């Protein structure tokens, strides 16, 4: 059994969680370094770490941290914060990061819908390809409408379970 860290945490258990959860995210399509950085942030008590702290914990280079954070920020899964009185940045994962990441997909869905609409118009709605595109478009429109309702229900459920925040 491993020794607890200064904060009273079992560093081996933290590492095991980080690598296990990161592997699941990689399997779902997330880049490996981004998955490891995200899991490390998620497993930290503060939810925030510097590049140096992430590099030390994960045994990765500053460049790997930078690339992973860039990806995660683009996906709305982490935010950057400047340490007061310092040039150093901290990277933070928020308790509602999944909500933010999912709801920010709305812009992507809208772009796909626009492109699919153009495809249906260009190929003709009665052609086999046009019908296939129209069905794909209808799926994304349905998904977008259901996602809005789902996120509304989540906000209510979250507040009931965890309080306002």
Protein backbone atom coordinates (compact mmCIF):
# COMPACT_ATOMS: atom_id res chain seq x y z
CA UNK A 1 0.00 0.00 0.00
CA UNK A 2 1.35 3.47 -0.86
CA UNK A 3 2.00 6.28 1.57
CA UNK A 4 -0.48 9.14 1.87
CA UNK A 5 0.79 12.45 0.51
CA UNK A 6 1.26 15.55 2.64
CA UNK A 7 -2.38 16.42 1.92
CA UNK A 8 -3.45 13.02 3.28
CA UNK A 9 -4.14 11.56 -0.13
CA UNK A 10 -2.88 8.26 -1.44
CA UNK A 11 -0.78 9.38 -4.41
CA UNK A 12 -0.82 5.88 -5.89
CA UNK A 13 -4.64 5.79 -5.79
CA UNK A 14 -4.79 9.24 -7.41
CA UNK A 15 -2.39 8.15 -10.14
CA UNK A 16 -4.36 4.95 -10.73
CA UNK A 17 -7.61 6.93 -11.10
CA UNK A 18 -6.01 9.49 -13.43
CA UNK A 19 -4.60 6.84 -15.75
CA UNK A 20 -7.75 4.70 -15.67
CA UNK A 21 -10.15 7.58 -16.35
CA UNK A 22 -7.82 9.02 -18.99
CA UNK A 23 -7.78 5.65 -20.77
CA UNK A 24 -11.58 5.70 -20.90
CA UNK A 25 -11.55 9.20 -22.41
CA UNK A 26 -8.90 8.17 -24.95
CA UNK A 27 -11.06 5.24 -25.96
CA UNK A 28 -13.92 7.72 -26.51
CA UNK A 29 -11.71 9.78 -28.84
CA UNK A 30 -9.91 12.36 -26.69
CA UNK A 31 -6.18 12.85 -27.30
CA UNK A 32 -4.08 10.97 -24.71
CA UNK A 33 -2.24 13.93 -23.14
CA UNK A 34 -5.42 16.01 -22.95
CA UNK A 35 -7.19 13.10 -21.25
CA UNK A 36 -4.40 12.69 -18.69
CA UNK A 37 -4.26 16.43 -17.91
CA UNK A 38 -8.04 16.63 -17.59
CA UNK A 39 -8.17 13.60 -15.28
CA UNK A 40 -5.36 15.04 -13.13
CA UNK A 41 -7.21 18.34 -12.78
CA UNK A 42 -10.45 16.54 -12.02
CA UNK A 43 -8.74 14.49 -9.30
CA UNK A 44 -7.04 17.49 -7.64
CA UNK A 45 -8.77 18.88 -4.55
CA UNK A 46 -8.56 22.47 -5.78
CA UNK A 47 -9.49 21.60 -9.37
CA UNK A 48 -6.57 23.79 -10.49
CA UNK A 49 -2.90 23.17 -11.16
CA UNK A 50 0.02 24.96 -12.80
CA UNK A 51 1.87 23.64 -15.81
CA UNK A 52 4.77 22.67 -13.55
CA UNK A 53 2.49 20.77 -11.15
CA UNK A 54 0.82 18.92 -14.02
CA UNK A 55 4.19 18.10 -15.59
CA UNK A 56 5.56 16.75 -12.32
CA UNK A 57 2.49 14.68 -11.49
CA UNK A 58 2.10 13.21 -14.96
CA UNK A 59 5.83 13.10 -15.82
CA UNK A 60 5.29 15.01 -19.07
CA UNK A 61 7.02 17.98 -20.70
CA UNK A 62 5.82 21.59 -20.52
CA UNK A 63 5.10 21.36 -24.27
CA UNK A 64 2.85 18.34 -23.69
CA UNK A 65 0.99 20.21 -20.94
CA UNK A 66 0.61 23.26 -23.18
CA UNK A 67 -0.80 21.25 -26.09
CA UNK A 68 -3.18 19.35 -23.82
CA UNK A 69 -4.44 22.53 -22.15
CA UNK A 70 -4.93 24.22 -25.52
CA UNK A 71 -7.11 21.32 -26.66
CA UNK A 72 -9.08 21.24 -23.38
CA UNK A 73 -9.66 25.01 -23.45
CA UNK A 74 -10.95 24.78 -27.04
CA UNK A 75 -13.37 22.09 -25.87
CA UNK A 76 -14.51 24.30 -22.94
CA UNK A 77 -13.31 21.70 -20.46
CA UNK A 78 -10.75 23.84 -18.63
CA UNK A 79 -10.11 27.53 -18.13
CA UNK A 80 -6.89 29.46 -17.69
CA UNK A 81 -6.37 31.72 -14.69
CA UNK A 82 -3.51 34.06 -13.97
CA UNK A 83 -2.03 33.65 -10.49
CA UNK A 84 -2.36 37.00 -8.69
CA UNK A 85 0.91 38.93 -8.82
CA UNK A 86 2.50 36.36 -11.12
CA UNK A 87 2.89 35.57 -14.79
CA UNK A 88 2.15 31.91 -14.11
CA UNK A 89 -1.12 30.44 -15.23
CA UNK A 90 -3.21 27.89 -13.43
CA UNK A 91 -5.52 25.61 -15.32
CA UNK A 92 -8.89 24.94 -13.73
CA UNK A 93 -11.62 22.40 -14.23
CA UNK A 94 -15.00 23.52 -12.90
CA UNK A 95 -17.69 21.44 -11.27
CA UNK A 96 -19.96 22.11 -14.24
CA UNK A 97 -17.36 21.42 -16.92
CA UNK A 98 -19.40 18.65 -18.54
CA UNK A 99 -22.44 20.91 -18.76
CA UNK A 100 -20.35 23.67 -20.35
CA UNK A 101 -18.62 21.30 -22.75
CA UNK A 102 -21.90 19.74 -23.89
CA UNK A 103 -23.87 22.98 -24.22
CA UNK A 104 -21.01 24.58 -26.18
CA UNK A 105 -21.45 21.83 -28.76
CA UNK A 106 -24.58 23.71 -29.83
CA UNK A 107 -22.49 25.88 -32.16
CA UNK A 108 -20.99 22.77 -33.75
CA UNK A 109 -24.44 21.23 -34.26
CA UNK A 110 -25.67 24.44 -35.89
CA UNK A 111 -22.72 24.46 -38.32
CA UNK A 112 -23.34 20.83 -39.21
CA UNK A 113 -27.05 21.52 -39.71
CA UNK A 114 -26.23 24.43 -42.03
CA UNK A 115 -23.82 22.31 -44.08
CA UNK A 116 -26.31 19.43 -44.25
CA UNK A 117 -29.11 21.79 -45.36
CA UNK A 118 -26.87 23.04 -48.16
CA UNK A 119 -26.10 19.43 -49.08
CA UNK A 120 -29.79 18.49 -49.24
CA UNK A 121 -30.49 21.55 -51.41
CA UNK A 122 -27.51 20.85 -53.67
CA UNK A 123 -28.08 17.13 -54.09
CA UNK A 124 -31.85 17.33 -54.20
CA UNK A 125 -34.12 16.05 -51.43
CA UNK A 126 -35.47 13.21 -53.60
CA UNK A 127 -32.11 11.67 -54.48
CA UNK A 128 -30.84 8.79 -52.33
CA UNK A 129 -27.93 10.93 -51.08
CA UNK A 130 -30.23 13.91 -50.48
CA UNK A 131 -32.62 11.74 -48.43
CA UNK A 132 -29.69 10.38 -46.42
CA UNK A 133 -28.48 13.93 -45.72
CA UNK A 134 -32.03 15.02 -44.84
CA UNK A 135 -32.30 12.19 -42.31
CA UNK A 136 -28.92 13.13 -40.83
CA UNK A 137 -30.07 16.76 -40.64
CA UNK A 138 -33.31 15.72 -38.93
CA UNK A 139 -31.29 13.70 -36.40
CA UNK A 140 -29.09 16.68 -35.51
CA UNK A 141 -32.11 18.99 -35.26
CA UNK A 142 -33.80 16.47 -32.97
CA UNK A 143 -30.64 16.07 -30.90
CA UNK A 144 -30.27 19.84 -30.53
CA UNK A 145 -33.86 20.21 -29.27
CA UNK A 146 -33.54 17.31 -26.84
CA UNK A 147 -30.17 18.56 -25.59
CA UNK A 148 -31.71 21.91 -24.60
CA UNK A 149 -34.44 20.14 -22.61
CA UNK A 150 -31.94 17.72 -21.07
CA UNK A 151 -29.64 20.53 -19.92
CA UNK A 152 -32.61 22.34 -18.36
CA UNK A 153 -33.53 19.20 -16.44
CA UNK A 154 -29.87 18.74 -15.38
CA UNK A 155 -29.69 22.27 -13.93
CA UNK A 156 -32.75 21.53 -11.76
CA UNK A 157 -31.43 18.11 -10.72
CA UNK A 158 -27.98 19.51 -9.91
CA UNK A 159 -29.41 22.27 -7.75
CA UNK A 160 -31.63 19.79 -5.88
CA UNK A 161 -28.71 17.43 -5.28
CA UNK A 162 -25.75 19.76 -4.79
CA UNK A 163 -27.30 23.16 -4.12
CA UNK A 164 -26.85 26.39 -6.02
CA UNK A 165 -23.38 26.94 -7.33
